[in-house]
C-alpha cells in the first residue's frame, strides 16, 4: 500500500524531514486501509460531494492545493525575506493531510459515494486530526488540518495554516461559486 500511496502522492517526497515524511505517508496508508476507497478511486472520484457534476478529481484538487501552498509560500518568502518565517515541511505535510479524514467520512450506498453518518457528525478536519495524532504528527500539522476549513474560522491560524487554508479555497471556490459572465 505504501508504494501505491507514494504513486498518488509524489509531493510527500518534498518533505525534507524524514520522520515527518514517513508519518505523513503513514497517515495516508492508514486512511486508505480504513476507507471504502482505493488509491485508484481517489484519481476518479469528484473532489467534493457538495458540487453537482464535479469533474475535478479528489487527487487533482489535493495536488493543486499542495502545489499552490508551496508556490504561495515561496513567493511570500522571496518578497518578504526575513520578515516572515514559513516552515515548508510543516506546510507541505499539513497541506497533504488536510483532507485525509475524508477517506473515513465516505461510504458507498447503492453504488453511490456519499458521506456516512459518522462523517456528517465528525467532519474531516476532526477525523484528520485524530489520524495525524495517532501517528504522532506535530501539533503544528494538526493545527493546519483542523483550521484549513470553515471550522478554523473562529480561531487564530499560523502562517502555514493561513497559506494552506487559502490555497485549498482557491482550488475549491471557482468550482463551487464562481460566476461566469
N, C-alpha and C. Protein backbone atom coordinates (compact mmCIF):
# COMPACT_ATOMS: atom_id res chain seq x y z
N UNK A 1 0.83 -1.20 0.00
CA UNK A 1 0.00 0.00 0.00
C UNK A 1 0.87 1.27 0.00
N UNK A 2 2.02 1.19 0.68
CA UNK A 2 2.89 2.37 0.76
C UNK A 2 3.30 2.84 -0.64
N UNK A 3 3.62 1.92 -1.51
CA UNK A 3 4.05 2.30 -2.86
C UNK A 3 2.89 2.91 -3.65
N UNK A 4 1.69 2.40 -3.44
CA UNK A 4 0.52 2.98 -4.12
C UNK A 4 0.27 4.41 -3.64
N UNK A 5 0.43 4.64 -2.34
CA UNK A 5 0.24 5.98 -1.81
C UNK A 5 1.33 6.92 -2.34
N UNK A 6 2.55 6.43 -2.38
CA UNK A 6 3.64 7.26 -2.92
C UNK A 6 3.38 7.62 -4.38
N UNK A 7 2.75 6.71 -5.10
CA UNK A 7 2.45 6.97 -6.52
C UNK A 7 1.43 8.10 -6.67
N UNK A 8 0.40 8.11 -5.82
CA UNK A 8 -0.61 9.17 -5.94
C UNK A 8 -0.17 10.45 -5.25
N UNK A 9 0.83 10.34 -4.36
CA UNK A 9 1.31 11.48 -3.60
C UNK A 9 2.81 11.70 -3.77
N UNK A 10 3.29 12.01 -4.98
CA UNK A 10 4.73 12.27 -5.13
C UNK A 10 5.19 13.48 -4.31
N UNK A 11 4.27 14.38 -3.98
CA UNK A 11 4.60 15.57 -3.19
C UNK A 11 5.07 15.23 -1.78
N UNK A 12 4.79 14.02 -1.30
CA UNK A 12 5.28 13.62 0.02
C UNK A 12 6.81 13.71 0.05
N UNK A 13 7.44 13.42 -1.06
CA UNK A 13 8.91 13.48 -1.12
C UNK A 13 9.45 14.89 -1.01
N UNK A 14 8.61 15.90 -1.10
CA UNK A 14 9.05 17.29 -0.92
C UNK A 14 9.35 17.59 0.54
N UNK A 15 8.84 16.76 1.45
CA UNK A 15 9.10 16.95 2.88
C UNK A 15 10.53 16.50 3.16
N UNK A 16 11.36 17.43 3.61
CA UNK A 16 12.78 17.14 3.84
C UNK A 16 13.02 16.29 5.08
N UNK A 17 12.26 16.54 6.14
CA UNK A 17 12.43 15.81 7.39
C UNK A 17 11.91 14.38 7.21
N UNK A 18 12.81 13.42 7.29
CA UNK A 18 12.45 12.03 7.00
C UNK A 18 11.36 11.50 7.93
N UNK A 19 11.45 11.81 9.22
CA UNK A 19 10.44 11.33 10.17
C UNK A 19 9.06 11.91 9.86
N UNK A 20 9.01 13.20 9.56
CA UNK A 20 7.74 13.84 9.21
C UNK A 20 7.19 13.27 7.91
N UNK A 21 8.06 13.04 6.95
CA UNK A 21 7.65 12.46 5.66
C UNK A 21 7.04 11.08 5.87
N UNK A 22 7.68 10.24 6.68
CA UNK A 22 7.18 8.89 6.93
C UNK A 22 5.85 8.90 7.70
N UNK A 23 5.73 9.80 8.66
CA UNK A 23 4.49 9.89 9.43
C UNK A 23 3.34 10.39 8.54
N UNK A 24 3.64 11.31 7.64
CA UNK A 24 2.63 11.81 6.70
C UNK A 24 2.16 10.67 5.80
N UNK A 25 3.10 9.88 5.31
CA UNK A 25 2.78 8.72 4.49
C UNK A 25 1.96 7.70 5.29
N UNK A 26 2.36 7.46 6.53
CA UNK A 26 1.63 6.51 7.39
C UNK A 26 0.16 6.91 7.56
N UNK A 27 -0.10 8.20 7.68
CA UNK A 27 -1.49 8.67 7.82
C UNK A 27 -2.31 8.29 6.60
N UNK A 28 -1.75 8.51 5.41
CA UNK A 28 -2.48 8.19 4.19
C UNK A 28 -2.68 6.69 4.02
N UNK A 29 -1.67 5.91 4.36
CA UNK A 29 -1.81 4.45 4.27
C UNK A 29 -2.93 3.99 5.20
N UNK A 30 -2.91 4.47 6.43
CA UNK A 30 -3.95 4.11 7.39
C UNK A 30 -5.34 4.52 6.89
N UNK A 31 -5.47 5.74 6.40
CA UNK A 31 -6.78 6.23 5.95
C UNK A 31 -7.31 5.39 4.79
N UNK A 32 -6.45 5.05 3.85
CA UNK A 32 -6.90 4.24 2.71
C UNK A 32 -7.25 2.83 3.16
N UNK A 33 -6.44 2.27 4.04
CA UNK A 33 -6.73 0.92 4.54
C UNK A 33 -8.03 0.85 5.33
N UNK A 34 -8.49 1.98 5.86
CA UNK A 34 -9.72 2.03 6.64
C UNK A 34 -10.86 2.72 5.90
N UNK A 35 -10.72 2.82 4.60
CA UNK A 35 -11.70 3.51 3.76
C UNK A 35 -12.37 2.52 2.81
N UNK A 36 -13.52 2.92 2.29
CA UNK A 36 -14.17 2.13 1.24
C UNK A 36 -13.48 2.39 -0.11
N UNK A 37 -12.56 3.35 -0.14
CA UNK A 37 -11.90 3.76 -1.38
C UNK A 37 -10.49 3.19 -1.50
N UNK A 38 -10.06 3.02 -2.73
CA UNK A 38 -8.69 2.59 -3.02
C UNK A 38 -7.91 3.80 -3.51
N UNK A 39 -6.58 3.70 -3.57
CA UNK A 39 -5.80 4.80 -4.15
C UNK A 39 -6.25 5.13 -5.58
N UNK A 40 -6.60 4.12 -6.33
CA UNK A 40 -7.06 4.34 -7.70
C UNK A 40 -8.38 5.11 -7.73
N UNK A 41 -9.26 4.84 -6.76
CA UNK A 41 -10.54 5.56 -6.68
C UNK A 41 -10.32 7.07 -6.50
N UNK A 42 -9.29 7.43 -5.77
CA UNK A 42 -9.03 8.84 -5.48
C UNK A 42 -8.66 9.63 -6.73
N UNK A 43 -8.21 8.91 -7.75
CA UNK A 43 -7.90 9.55 -9.04
C UNK A 43 -9.15 9.70 -9.91
N UNK A 44 -10.29 9.15 -9.43
CA UNK A 44 -11.52 9.15 -10.23
C UNK A 44 -12.68 9.89 -9.57
N UNK A 45 -12.77 9.80 -8.24
CA UNK A 45 -13.94 10.39 -7.57
C UNK A 45 -13.86 11.91 -7.61
N UNK A 46 -15.03 12.59 -7.55
CA UNK A 46 -15.01 14.06 -7.52
C UNK A 46 -14.37 14.54 -6.22
N UNK A 47 -13.75 15.69 -6.26
CA UNK A 47 -13.07 16.20 -5.07
C UNK A 47 -14.04 16.69 -4.01
N UNK A 48 -15.28 16.92 -4.39
CA UNK A 48 -16.28 17.35 -3.41
C UNK A 48 -17.62 16.74 -3.75
N UNK A 49 -18.31 16.31 -2.71
CA UNK A 49 -19.68 15.82 -2.88
C UNK A 49 -20.66 16.98 -2.82
N UNK A 50 -20.16 18.20 -2.58
CA UNK A 50 -21.01 19.39 -2.47
C UNK A 50 -21.25 20.06 -3.82
N UNK A 51 -20.57 19.60 -4.86
CA UNK A 51 -20.66 20.22 -6.17
C UNK A 51 -21.27 19.23 -7.15
N UNK A 52 -22.41 19.58 -7.73
CA UNK A 52 -23.05 18.71 -8.71
C UNK A 52 -22.20 18.63 -9.97
N UNK A 53 -22.14 17.44 -10.54
CA UNK A 53 -21.42 17.20 -11.80
C UNK A 53 -19.97 17.68 -11.74
N UNK A 54 -19.32 17.43 -10.65
CA UNK A 54 -17.93 17.84 -10.46
C UNK A 54 -17.02 16.85 -11.21
N UNK A 55 -16.26 17.37 -12.16
CA UNK A 55 -15.36 16.53 -12.95
C UNK A 55 -13.91 16.64 -12.52
N UNK A 56 -13.62 17.45 -11.51
CA UNK A 56 -12.27 17.56 -10.98
C UNK A 56 -12.12 16.47 -9.92
N UNK A 57 -11.08 15.67 -10.05
CA UNK A 57 -10.93 14.53 -9.14
C UNK A 57 -10.38 14.96 -7.78
N UNK A 58 -10.57 14.09 -6.82
CA UNK A 58 -10.07 14.29 -5.46
C UNK A 58 -8.57 14.57 -5.48
N UNK A 59 -7.80 13.72 -6.15
CA UNK A 59 -6.34 13.90 -6.15
C UNK A 59 -5.93 15.12 -6.96
N UNK A 60 -6.66 15.47 -8.00
CA UNK A 60 -6.31 16.67 -8.76
C UNK A 60 -6.46 17.90 -7.87
N UNK A 61 -7.55 17.97 -7.14
CA UNK A 61 -7.76 19.08 -6.20
C UNK A 61 -6.68 19.07 -5.11
N UNK A 62 -6.42 17.90 -4.54
CA UNK A 62 -5.45 17.81 -3.45
C UNK A 62 -4.07 18.26 -3.91
N UNK A 63 -3.62 17.74 -5.04
CA UNK A 63 -2.29 18.12 -5.55
C UNK A 63 -2.25 19.63 -5.83
N UNK A 64 -3.32 20.16 -6.38
CA UNK A 64 -3.37 21.60 -6.67
C UNK A 64 -3.25 22.41 -5.39
N UNK A 65 -3.96 22.01 -4.35
CA UNK A 65 -3.89 22.75 -3.07
C UNK A 65 -2.48 22.69 -2.48
N UNK A 66 -1.83 21.54 -2.58
CA UNK A 66 -0.46 21.42 -2.06
C UNK A 66 0.49 22.28 -2.88
N UNK A 67 0.38 22.18 -4.19
CA UNK A 67 1.28 22.94 -5.07
C UNK A 67 1.06 24.44 -4.92
N UNK A 68 -0.18 24.87 -4.81
CA UNK A 68 -0.46 26.29 -4.57
C UNK A 68 0.13 26.74 -3.23
N UNK A 69 -0.02 25.92 -2.22
CA UNK A 69 0.54 26.26 -0.90
C UNK A 69 2.04 26.49 -0.99
N UNK A 70 2.72 25.58 -1.64
CA UNK A 70 4.18 25.68 -1.76
C UNK A 70 4.58 26.92 -2.56
N UNK A 71 3.91 27.15 -3.68
CA UNK A 71 4.26 28.31 -4.52
C UNK A 71 3.95 29.62 -3.80
N UNK A 72 2.82 29.67 -3.11
CA UNK A 72 2.49 30.89 -2.35
C UNK A 72 3.55 31.15 -1.29
N UNK A 73 3.96 30.10 -0.58
CA UNK A 73 4.97 30.26 0.47
C UNK A 73 6.30 30.73 -0.12
N UNK A 74 6.68 30.17 -1.25
CA UNK A 74 7.94 30.59 -1.89
C UNK A 74 7.88 32.06 -2.30
N UNK A 75 6.78 32.47 -2.88
CA UNK A 75 6.63 33.88 -3.29
C UNK A 75 6.68 34.79 -2.07
N UNK A 76 5.97 34.41 -1.02
CA UNK A 76 5.96 35.22 0.20
C UNK A 76 7.37 35.33 0.79
N UNK A 77 8.07 34.20 0.87
CA UNK A 77 9.42 34.19 1.42
C UNK A 77 10.35 35.03 0.54
N UNK A 78 10.20 34.92 -0.77
CA UNK A 78 11.03 35.69 -1.69
C UNK A 78 10.78 37.20 -1.53
N UNK A 79 9.54 37.58 -1.39
CA UNK A 79 9.21 39.00 -1.30
C UNK A 79 9.39 39.59 0.10
N UNK A 80 9.12 38.80 1.13
CA UNK A 80 9.17 39.32 2.49
C UNK A 80 10.47 38.98 3.23
N UNK A 81 11.24 38.05 2.69
CA UNK A 81 12.53 37.70 3.29
C UNK A 81 12.43 37.31 4.74
N UNK A 82 13.28 37.91 5.55
CA UNK A 82 13.35 37.57 6.97
C UNK A 82 12.17 38.09 7.79
N UNK A 83 11.29 38.86 7.17
CA UNK A 83 10.12 39.39 7.88
C UNK A 83 9.07 38.31 8.12
N UNK A 84 9.21 37.17 7.43
CA UNK A 84 8.23 36.09 7.61
C UNK A 84 8.97 34.77 7.75
N UNK A 85 8.48 33.96 8.66
CA UNK A 85 9.03 32.61 8.83
C UNK A 85 7.98 31.61 8.38
N UNK A 86 8.39 30.72 7.49
CA UNK A 86 7.49 29.68 7.00
C UNK A 86 8.25 28.36 7.07
N UNK A 87 7.70 27.41 7.80
CA UNK A 87 8.30 26.08 7.87
C UNK A 87 7.70 25.26 6.73
N UNK A 88 8.48 25.06 5.69
CA UNK A 88 7.98 24.38 4.50
C UNK A 88 7.59 22.93 4.76
N UNK A 89 8.33 22.23 5.60
CA UNK A 89 7.97 20.84 5.89
C UNK A 89 6.61 20.74 6.57
N UNK A 90 6.38 21.60 7.55
CA UNK A 90 5.08 21.60 8.23
C UNK A 90 3.97 21.98 7.26
N UNK A 91 4.23 22.99 6.43
CA UNK A 91 3.25 23.44 5.44
C UNK A 91 2.90 22.31 4.47
N UNK A 92 3.91 21.64 3.95
CA UNK A 92 3.67 20.57 2.97
C UNK A 92 2.94 19.40 3.61
N UNK A 93 3.40 18.96 4.77
CA UNK A 93 2.73 17.85 5.46
C UNK A 93 1.28 18.20 5.74
N UNK A 94 1.04 19.39 6.29
CA UNK A 94 -0.32 19.81 6.59
C UNK A 94 -1.19 19.89 5.35
N UNK A 95 -0.64 20.45 4.27
CA UNK A 95 -1.41 20.57 3.02
C UNK A 95 -1.76 19.19 2.47
N UNK A 96 -0.84 18.26 2.58
CA UNK A 96 -1.10 16.89 2.10
C UNK A 96 -2.17 16.21 2.95
N UNK A 97 -2.23 16.56 4.22
CA UNK A 97 -3.12 15.85 5.15
C UNK A 97 -4.46 16.52 5.41
N UNK A 98 -4.72 17.72 4.85
CA UNK A 98 -5.95 18.41 5.24
C UNK A 98 -7.23 17.62 4.95
N UNK A 99 -7.22 16.79 3.94
CA UNK A 99 -8.43 16.03 3.61
C UNK A 99 -8.30 14.53 3.85
N UNK A 100 -7.27 14.12 4.58
CA UNK A 100 -7.10 12.69 4.84
C UNK A 100 -8.31 12.12 5.58
N UNK A 101 -8.95 12.91 6.41
CA UNK A 101 -10.13 12.46 7.14
C UNK A 101 -11.33 12.17 6.26
N UNK A 102 -11.35 12.75 5.06
CA UNK A 102 -12.47 12.49 4.14
C UNK A 102 -12.57 11.00 3.80
N UNK A 103 -11.45 10.32 3.77
CA UNK A 103 -11.49 8.90 3.42
C UNK A 103 -12.26 8.10 4.45
N UNK A 104 -12.28 8.57 5.68
CA UNK A 104 -13.02 7.91 6.75
C UNK A 104 -14.48 8.34 6.73
N UNK A 105 -14.76 9.52 6.18
CA UNK A 105 -16.13 10.05 6.12
C UNK A 105 -17.02 9.30 5.13
N UNK A 106 -16.43 8.78 4.09
CA UNK A 106 -17.21 8.26 2.97
C UNK A 106 -17.75 6.86 3.22
N UNK A 107 -18.87 6.61 2.55
CA UNK A 107 -19.43 5.27 2.45
C UNK A 107 -20.06 5.15 1.07
N UNK A 108 -20.34 3.94 0.68
CA UNK A 108 -20.99 3.72 -0.61
C UNK A 108 -22.36 3.12 -0.33
N UNK A 109 -23.39 3.82 -0.80
CA UNK A 109 -24.78 3.38 -0.62
C UNK A 109 -25.39 3.22 -2.01
N UNK A 110 -25.88 2.03 -2.29
CA UNK A 110 -26.48 1.74 -3.59
C UNK A 110 -25.54 2.12 -4.74
N UNK A 111 -24.27 1.84 -4.55
CA UNK A 111 -23.27 2.11 -5.58
C UNK A 111 -22.86 3.55 -5.72
N UNK A 112 -23.35 4.42 -4.81
CA UNK A 112 -23.05 5.85 -4.90
C UNK A 112 -22.22 6.29 -3.69
N UNK A 113 -21.18 7.08 -3.96
CA UNK A 113 -20.34 7.63 -2.90
C UNK A 113 -21.11 8.71 -2.15
N UNK A 114 -21.10 8.61 -0.83
CA UNK A 114 -21.83 9.56 -0.01
C UNK A 114 -21.11 9.73 1.32
N UNK A 115 -21.54 10.70 2.09
CA UNK A 115 -20.98 10.92 3.42
C UNK A 115 -21.74 10.05 4.41
N UNK A 116 -21.00 9.34 5.24
CA UNK A 116 -21.62 8.49 6.25
C UNK A 116 -22.17 9.34 7.39
N UNK A 117 -22.96 8.73 8.24
CA UNK A 117 -23.47 9.44 9.42
C UNK A 117 -22.31 9.92 10.27
N UNK A 118 -21.33 9.05 10.48
CA UNK A 118 -20.16 9.44 11.27
C UNK A 118 -19.44 10.62 10.62
N UNK A 119 -19.33 10.60 9.30
CA UNK A 119 -18.69 11.70 8.58
C UNK A 119 -19.46 13.00 8.69
N UNK A 120 -20.77 12.90 8.75
CA UNK A 120 -21.59 14.10 8.91
C UNK A 120 -21.47 14.67 10.32
N UNK A 121 -21.29 13.80 11.29
CA UNK A 121 -21.17 14.24 12.68
C UNK A 121 -19.76 14.72 13.03
N UNK A 122 -18.76 14.05 12.47
CA UNK A 122 -17.36 14.37 12.75
C UNK A 122 -16.69 14.65 11.41
N UNK A 123 -16.72 15.92 11.00
CA UNK A 123 -16.19 16.28 9.69
C UNK A 123 -14.69 16.02 9.59
N UNK A 124 -14.21 16.00 8.36
CA UNK A 124 -12.84 15.59 8.07
C UNK A 124 -11.74 16.39 8.78
N UNK A 125 -11.92 17.66 9.13
CA UNK A 125 -10.85 18.30 9.90
C UNK A 125 -10.61 17.60 11.24
N UNK A 126 -11.69 17.13 11.87
CA UNK A 126 -11.57 16.47 13.16
C UNK A 126 -11.04 15.04 13.02
N UNK A 127 -11.58 14.29 12.07
CA UNK A 127 -11.07 12.93 11.87
C UNK A 127 -9.64 12.98 11.34
N UNK A 128 -9.31 14.01 10.57
CA UNK A 128 -7.94 14.17 10.10
C UNK A 128 -6.96 14.42 11.23
N UNK A 129 -7.37 15.26 12.20
CA UNK A 129 -6.53 15.49 13.38
C UNK A 129 -6.34 14.18 14.14
N UNK A 130 -7.40 13.40 14.28
CA UNK A 130 -7.31 12.14 15.01
C UNK A 130 -6.31 11.19 14.33
N UNK A 131 -6.35 11.14 13.01
CA UNK A 131 -5.40 10.29 12.28
C UNK A 131 -3.98 10.81 12.48
N UNK A 132 -3.79 12.11 12.33
CA UNK A 132 -2.46 12.70 12.49
C UNK A 132 -1.92 12.47 13.90
N UNK A 133 -2.77 12.61 14.90
CA UNK A 133 -2.35 12.39 16.27
C UNK A 133 -1.97 10.92 16.49
N UNK A 134 -2.72 10.03 15.90
CA UNK A 134 -2.45 8.60 16.01
C UNK A 134 -1.02 8.27 15.58
N UNK A 135 -0.52 9.01 14.60
CA UNK A 135 0.82 8.74 14.08
C UNK A 135 1.86 9.74 14.58
N UNK A 136 1.50 10.51 15.59
CA UNK A 136 2.46 11.38 16.25
C UNK A 136 2.91 12.59 15.45
N UNK A 137 2.05 13.07 14.56
CA UNK A 137 2.41 14.28 13.84
C UNK A 137 2.37 15.47 14.79
N UNK A 138 3.25 16.45 14.56
CA UNK A 138 3.31 17.59 15.48
C UNK A 138 2.02 18.40 15.51
N UNK A 139 1.84 19.11 16.62
CA UNK A 139 0.65 19.94 16.79
C UNK A 139 0.52 20.96 15.66
N UNK A 140 1.64 21.45 15.13
CA UNK A 140 1.57 22.42 14.03
C UNK A 140 0.87 21.84 12.80
N UNK A 141 1.13 20.58 12.50
CA UNK A 141 0.48 19.92 11.36
C UNK A 141 -0.99 19.68 11.68
N UNK A 142 -1.26 19.22 12.90
CA UNK A 142 -2.65 19.01 13.30
C UNK A 142 -3.43 20.32 13.24
N UNK A 143 -2.79 21.41 13.60
CA UNK A 143 -3.42 22.73 13.53
C UNK A 143 -3.81 23.07 12.08
N UNK A 144 -2.92 22.81 11.14
CA UNK A 144 -3.23 23.08 9.73
C UNK A 144 -4.43 22.26 9.29
N UNK A 145 -4.46 20.99 9.66
CA UNK A 145 -5.58 20.11 9.30
C UNK A 145 -6.88 20.66 9.90
N UNK A 146 -6.84 21.00 11.17
CA UNK A 146 -8.04 21.44 11.88
C UNK A 146 -8.56 22.81 11.49
N UNK A 147 -7.68 23.65 10.97
CA UNK A 147 -8.10 25.03 10.67
C UNK A 147 -8.19 25.32 9.18
N UNK A 148 -8.01 24.31 8.34
CA UNK A 148 -8.00 24.58 6.89
C UNK A 148 -9.38 24.93 6.35
N UNK A 149 -10.42 24.51 7.01
CA UNK A 149 -11.79 24.70 6.50
C UNK A 149 -12.55 25.66 7.42
N UNK A 150 -13.84 25.73 7.22
CA UNK A 150 -14.66 26.69 7.98
C UNK A 150 -14.57 26.48 9.49
N UNK A 151 -14.24 25.28 9.91
CA UNK A 151 -14.11 25.02 11.35
C UNK A 151 -13.02 25.89 11.98
N UNK A 152 -12.06 26.32 11.20
CA UNK A 152 -10.97 27.13 11.72
C UNK A 152 -11.22 28.61 11.69
N UNK A 153 -12.38 29.04 11.20
CA UNK A 153 -12.63 30.47 11.03
C UNK A 153 -12.74 31.25 12.34
N UNK A 154 -13.06 30.59 13.43
CA UNK A 154 -13.23 31.30 14.70
C UNK A 154 -11.93 31.43 15.49
N UNK A 155 -10.91 30.69 15.10
CA UNK A 155 -9.66 30.73 15.84
C UNK A 155 -8.56 31.45 15.09
N UNK A 156 -7.40 31.44 15.68
CA UNK A 156 -6.23 32.02 15.03
C UNK A 156 -5.53 30.92 14.24
N UNK A 157 -4.90 31.34 13.15
CA UNK A 157 -4.17 30.40 12.30
C UNK A 157 -2.70 30.78 12.27
N UNK A 158 -1.84 29.76 12.20
CA UNK A 158 -0.42 30.00 11.98
C UNK A 158 -0.23 30.47 10.54
N UNK A 159 0.97 30.98 10.23
CA UNK A 159 1.27 31.41 8.86
C UNK A 159 1.05 30.24 7.90
N UNK A 160 1.54 29.06 8.26
CA UNK A 160 1.40 27.89 7.39
C UNK A 160 -0.07 27.55 7.19
N UNK A 161 -0.86 27.65 8.24
CA UNK A 161 -2.29 27.35 8.14
C UNK A 161 -3.02 28.37 7.27
N UNK A 162 -2.65 29.63 7.39
CA UNK A 162 -3.27 30.66 6.54
C UNK A 162 -3.02 30.36 5.08
N UNK A 163 -1.78 30.02 4.75
CA UNK A 163 -1.42 29.73 3.36
C UNK A 163 -2.20 28.52 2.85
N UNK A 164 -2.20 27.44 3.61
CA UNK A 164 -2.90 26.22 3.17
C UNK A 164 -4.39 26.46 3.07
N UNK A 165 -4.97 27.17 4.03
CA UNK A 165 -6.40 27.49 4.00
C UNK A 165 -6.76 28.19 2.70
N UNK A 166 -6.00 29.20 2.34
CA UNK A 166 -6.32 29.96 1.13
C UNK A 166 -6.04 29.15 -0.13
N UNK A 167 -4.99 28.37 -0.14
CA UNK A 167 -4.72 27.51 -1.30
C UNK A 167 -5.85 26.51 -1.51
N UNK A 168 -6.35 25.95 -0.43
CA UNK A 168 -7.45 24.98 -0.51
C UNK A 168 -8.70 25.65 -1.09
N UNK A 169 -9.02 26.83 -0.62
CA UNK A 169 -10.23 27.51 -1.11
C UNK A 169 -10.05 28.05 -2.53
N UNK A 170 -8.84 28.44 -2.88
CA UNK A 170 -8.60 28.88 -4.27
C UNK A 170 -8.82 27.73 -5.23
N UNK A 171 -8.55 26.51 -4.78
CA UNK A 171 -8.76 25.35 -5.66
C UNK A 171 -10.13 24.70 -5.46
N UNK A 172 -10.98 25.33 -4.64
CA UNK A 172 -12.34 24.83 -4.39
C UNK A 172 -13.41 25.81 -4.88
N UNK A 173 -13.31 27.05 -4.44
CA UNK A 173 -14.36 28.03 -4.71
C UNK A 173 -14.67 28.27 -6.18
N UNK A 174 -13.71 28.28 -7.09
CA UNK A 174 -14.07 28.51 -8.51
C UNK A 174 -15.05 27.45 -9.04
N UNK A 175 -15.04 26.28 -8.47
CA UNK A 175 -15.94 25.22 -8.92
C UNK A 175 -17.27 25.24 -8.19
N UNK A 176 -17.28 25.88 -7.04
CA UNK A 176 -18.49 25.93 -6.22
C UNK A 176 -19.32 27.17 -6.49
N UNK A 177 -18.65 28.32 -6.62
CA UNK A 177 -19.45 29.54 -6.62
C UNK A 177 -19.01 30.62 -7.59
N UNK A 178 -18.08 30.33 -8.46
CA UNK A 178 -17.63 31.37 -9.40
C UNK A 178 -18.76 31.71 -10.39
N UNK A 179 -18.89 32.98 -10.67
CA UNK A 179 -19.89 33.46 -11.62
C UNK A 179 -19.23 33.64 -12.97
N UNK A 180 -19.83 33.08 -13.99
CA UNK A 180 -19.32 33.27 -15.33
C UNK A 180 -20.21 34.30 -16.03
N UNK A 181 -19.62 35.39 -16.42
CA UNK A 181 -20.38 36.46 -17.07
C UNK A 181 -20.14 36.46 -18.55
